[in-house]
Amino acid sequence: MKTEDTEFAITPCQITYKGKELPLGKPLDAWIQLLGTYSRHTGRGYVWDSLGIAINDWEANHEYVK
């Protein structure tokens, strides 16, 4: 199976969504561009309920996704 055949793929080197690399270390806007608008903000991160994922950016002062 190729990583492009699934929505999410995790390898030792990267995480991809629909064949595109998730932008670790990049601003939240890069995630929104790839995943669409998040469902909610929890005060410590952002949640995409329809995708079943959340990102935590509070350690980076809401600037970058670690």
N, C-alpha and C. Protein backbone atom coordinates (compact mmCIF):
# COMPACT_ATOMS: atom_id res chain seq x y z
N MET A 1 0.84 -1.18 0.00
CA MET A 1 0.00 0.00 0.00
C MET A 1 0.88 1.24 0.00
N LYS A 2 0.55 2.20 -0.81
CA LYS A 2 1.27 3.47 -0.86
C LYS A 2 0.62 4.44 0.14
N THR A 3 1.40 5.39 0.65
CA THR A 3 0.85 6.34 1.61
C THR A 3 -0.25 7.20 0.98
N GLU A 4 -0.27 7.34 -0.34
CA GLU A 4 -1.30 8.14 -0.99
C GLU A 4 -2.66 7.43 -0.98
N ASP A 5 -2.68 6.13 -0.64
CA ASP A 5 -3.92 5.36 -0.64
C ASP A 5 -4.75 5.54 0.63
N THR A 6 -4.22 6.19 1.63
CA THR A 6 -4.93 6.40 2.89
C THR A 6 -5.00 7.89 3.19
N GLU A 7 -5.93 8.28 4.07
CA GLU A 7 -6.00 9.70 4.44
C GLU A 7 -4.78 10.11 5.25
N PHE A 8 -4.44 9.35 6.30
CA PHE A 8 -3.29 9.66 7.13
C PHE A 8 -2.29 8.52 7.04
N ALA A 9 -1.02 8.86 6.97
CA ALA A 9 0.05 7.87 6.97
C ALA A 9 1.17 8.38 7.86
N ILE A 10 1.68 7.49 8.70
CA ILE A 10 2.77 7.85 9.61
C ILE A 10 3.94 6.94 9.31
N THR A 11 5.08 7.56 9.01
CA THR A 11 6.32 6.83 8.78
C THR A 11 7.34 7.36 9.78
N PRO A 12 8.50 6.73 9.89
CA PRO A 12 9.52 7.26 10.80
C PRO A 12 9.98 8.68 10.44
N CYS A 13 9.74 9.10 9.20
CA CYS A 13 10.25 10.39 8.74
C CYS A 13 9.20 11.49 8.64
N GLN A 14 7.91 11.13 8.52
CA GLN A 14 6.90 12.17 8.30
C GLN A 14 5.50 11.66 8.58
N ILE A 15 4.57 12.58 8.66
CA ILE A 15 3.15 12.29 8.74
C ILE A 15 2.50 12.97 7.55
N THR A 16 1.67 12.22 6.82
CA THR A 16 1.01 12.80 5.66
C THR A 16 -0.50 12.69 5.79
N TYR A 17 -1.19 13.60 5.11
CA TYR A 17 -2.65 13.59 5.01
C TYR A 17 -2.98 13.69 3.52
N LYS A 18 -3.64 12.67 3.01
CA LYS A 18 -3.98 12.58 1.58
C LYS A 18 -2.75 12.83 0.70
N GLY A 19 -1.63 12.24 1.11
CA GLY A 19 -0.40 12.33 0.32
C GLY A 19 0.41 13.59 0.51
N LYS A 20 -0.08 14.54 1.33
CA LYS A 20 0.66 15.78 1.55
C LYS A 20 1.22 15.79 2.97
N GLU A 21 2.47 16.19 3.10
CA GLU A 21 3.13 16.19 4.40
C GLU A 21 2.51 17.21 5.35
N LEU A 22 2.22 16.76 6.59
CA LEU A 22 1.71 17.69 7.60
C LEU A 22 2.84 18.62 8.00
N PRO A 23 2.55 19.90 8.10
CA PRO A 23 3.59 20.91 8.28
C PRO A 23 4.04 21.10 9.73
N LEU A 24 4.76 20.11 10.28
CA LEU A 24 5.28 20.23 11.64
C LEU A 24 6.27 21.38 11.71
N GLY A 25 6.19 22.16 12.77
CA GLY A 25 7.08 23.30 12.94
C GLY A 25 6.67 24.53 12.17
N LYS A 26 5.50 24.48 11.56
CA LYS A 26 5.01 25.60 10.75
C LYS A 26 3.85 26.30 11.46
N PRO A 27 3.49 27.50 11.03
CA PRO A 27 2.38 28.22 11.63
C PRO A 27 1.04 27.50 11.43
N LEU A 28 0.10 27.78 12.29
CA LEU A 28 -1.25 27.20 12.22
C LEU A 28 -1.87 27.40 10.85
N ASP A 29 -1.62 28.53 10.21
CA ASP A 29 -2.19 28.80 8.88
C ASP A 29 -1.82 27.72 7.86
N ALA A 30 -0.64 27.15 7.99
CA ALA A 30 -0.24 26.08 7.08
C ALA A 30 -1.10 24.84 7.30
N TRP A 31 -1.48 24.57 8.54
CA TRP A 31 -2.36 23.44 8.85
C TRP A 31 -3.77 23.69 8.33
N ILE A 32 -4.24 24.90 8.50
CA ILE A 32 -5.58 25.25 8.02
C ILE A 32 -5.62 25.12 6.50
N GLN A 33 -4.57 25.52 5.84
CA GLN A 33 -4.52 25.42 4.38
C GLN A 33 -4.62 23.96 3.94
N LEU A 34 -4.01 23.06 4.67
CA LEU A 34 -4.01 21.64 4.31
C LEU A 34 -5.28 20.92 4.77
N LEU A 35 -5.71 21.17 6.01
CA LEU A 35 -6.81 20.41 6.61
C LEU A 35 -8.17 21.11 6.56
N GLY A 36 -8.16 22.40 6.26
CA GLY A 36 -9.39 23.18 6.33
C GLY A 36 -9.53 23.81 7.72
N THR A 37 -10.56 24.58 7.90
CA THR A 37 -10.78 25.27 9.17
C THR A 37 -11.03 24.27 10.29
N TYR A 38 -10.39 24.51 11.43
CA TYR A 38 -10.57 23.63 12.58
C TYR A 38 -11.98 23.79 13.15
N SER A 39 -12.42 22.79 13.89
CA SER A 39 -13.76 22.80 14.48
C SER A 39 -13.84 23.65 15.73
N ARG A 40 -12.77 23.60 16.53
CA ARG A 40 -12.79 24.34 17.79
C ARG A 40 -11.39 24.56 18.31
N HIS A 41 -11.28 25.58 19.15
CA HIS A 41 -10.03 25.90 19.83
C HIS A 41 -10.25 25.64 21.31
N THR A 42 -9.37 24.89 21.94
CA THR A 42 -9.55 24.49 23.33
C THR A 42 -8.81 25.38 24.32
N GLY A 43 -8.06 26.33 23.85
CA GLY A 43 -7.21 27.13 24.72
C GLY A 43 -5.79 26.58 24.78
N ARG A 44 -5.63 25.31 24.44
CA ARG A 44 -4.32 24.68 24.41
C ARG A 44 -4.02 24.09 23.04
N GLY A 45 -4.96 24.14 22.14
CA GLY A 45 -4.75 23.57 20.82
C GLY A 45 -5.98 23.71 19.96
N TYR A 46 -5.93 23.08 18.80
CA TYR A 46 -7.00 23.16 17.82
C TYR A 46 -7.46 21.76 17.46
N VAL A 47 -8.77 21.60 17.24
CA VAL A 47 -9.36 20.29 17.00
C VAL A 47 -10.11 20.30 15.68
N TRP A 48 -9.86 19.27 14.87
CA TRP A 48 -10.64 19.00 13.66
C TRP A 48 -11.49 17.78 14.00
N ASP A 49 -12.70 18.01 14.51
CA ASP A 49 -13.55 16.91 14.94
C ASP A 49 -13.85 15.93 13.82
N SER A 50 -14.11 16.42 12.62
CA SER A 50 -14.47 15.53 11.51
C SER A 50 -13.31 14.62 11.09
N LEU A 51 -12.08 15.03 11.38
CA LEU A 51 -10.90 14.22 11.03
C LEU A 51 -10.41 13.40 12.22
N GLY A 52 -10.89 13.73 13.42
CA GLY A 52 -10.46 13.00 14.60
C GLY A 52 -9.04 13.33 15.03
N ILE A 53 -8.60 14.56 14.76
CA ILE A 53 -7.24 14.95 15.17
C ILE A 53 -7.27 16.29 15.89
N ALA A 54 -6.22 16.49 16.67
CA ALA A 54 -6.03 17.76 17.37
C ALA A 54 -4.54 18.07 17.36
N ILE A 55 -4.22 19.34 17.38
CA ILE A 55 -2.82 19.75 17.49
C ILE A 55 -2.67 20.64 18.71
N ASN A 56 -1.53 20.54 19.32
CA ASN A 56 -1.23 21.28 20.52
C ASN A 56 -0.19 22.33 20.15
N ASP A 57 -0.53 23.59 20.35
CA ASP A 57 0.45 24.63 20.01
C ASP A 57 0.73 25.57 21.18
N TRP A 58 0.22 25.26 22.35
CA TRP A 58 0.37 26.18 23.48
C TRP A 58 1.81 26.37 23.92
N GLU A 59 2.66 25.37 23.73
CA GLU A 59 4.06 25.51 24.12
C GLU A 59 4.82 26.48 23.21
N ALA A 60 4.27 26.73 22.02
CA ALA A 60 4.93 27.61 21.06
C ALA A 60 4.25 28.98 21.02
N ASN A 61 3.53 29.30 22.08
CA ASN A 61 2.83 30.59 22.17
C ASN A 61 1.88 30.81 20.99
N HIS A 62 1.23 29.74 20.56
CA HIS A 62 0.24 29.80 19.49
C HIS A 62 0.82 30.31 18.18
N GLU A 63 2.10 30.12 17.96
CA GLU A 63 2.72 30.56 16.72
C GLU A 63 3.03 29.41 15.78
N TYR A 64 3.53 28.32 16.32
CA TYR A 64 3.96 27.19 15.49
C TYR A 64 3.44 25.89 16.07
N VAL A 65 3.23 24.92 15.21
CA VAL A 65 2.77 23.61 15.63
C VAL A 65 3.98 22.71 15.80
N LYS A 66 4.15 22.16 17.00
CA LYS A 66 5.29 21.28 17.27
C LYS A 66 4.97 19.86 16.91
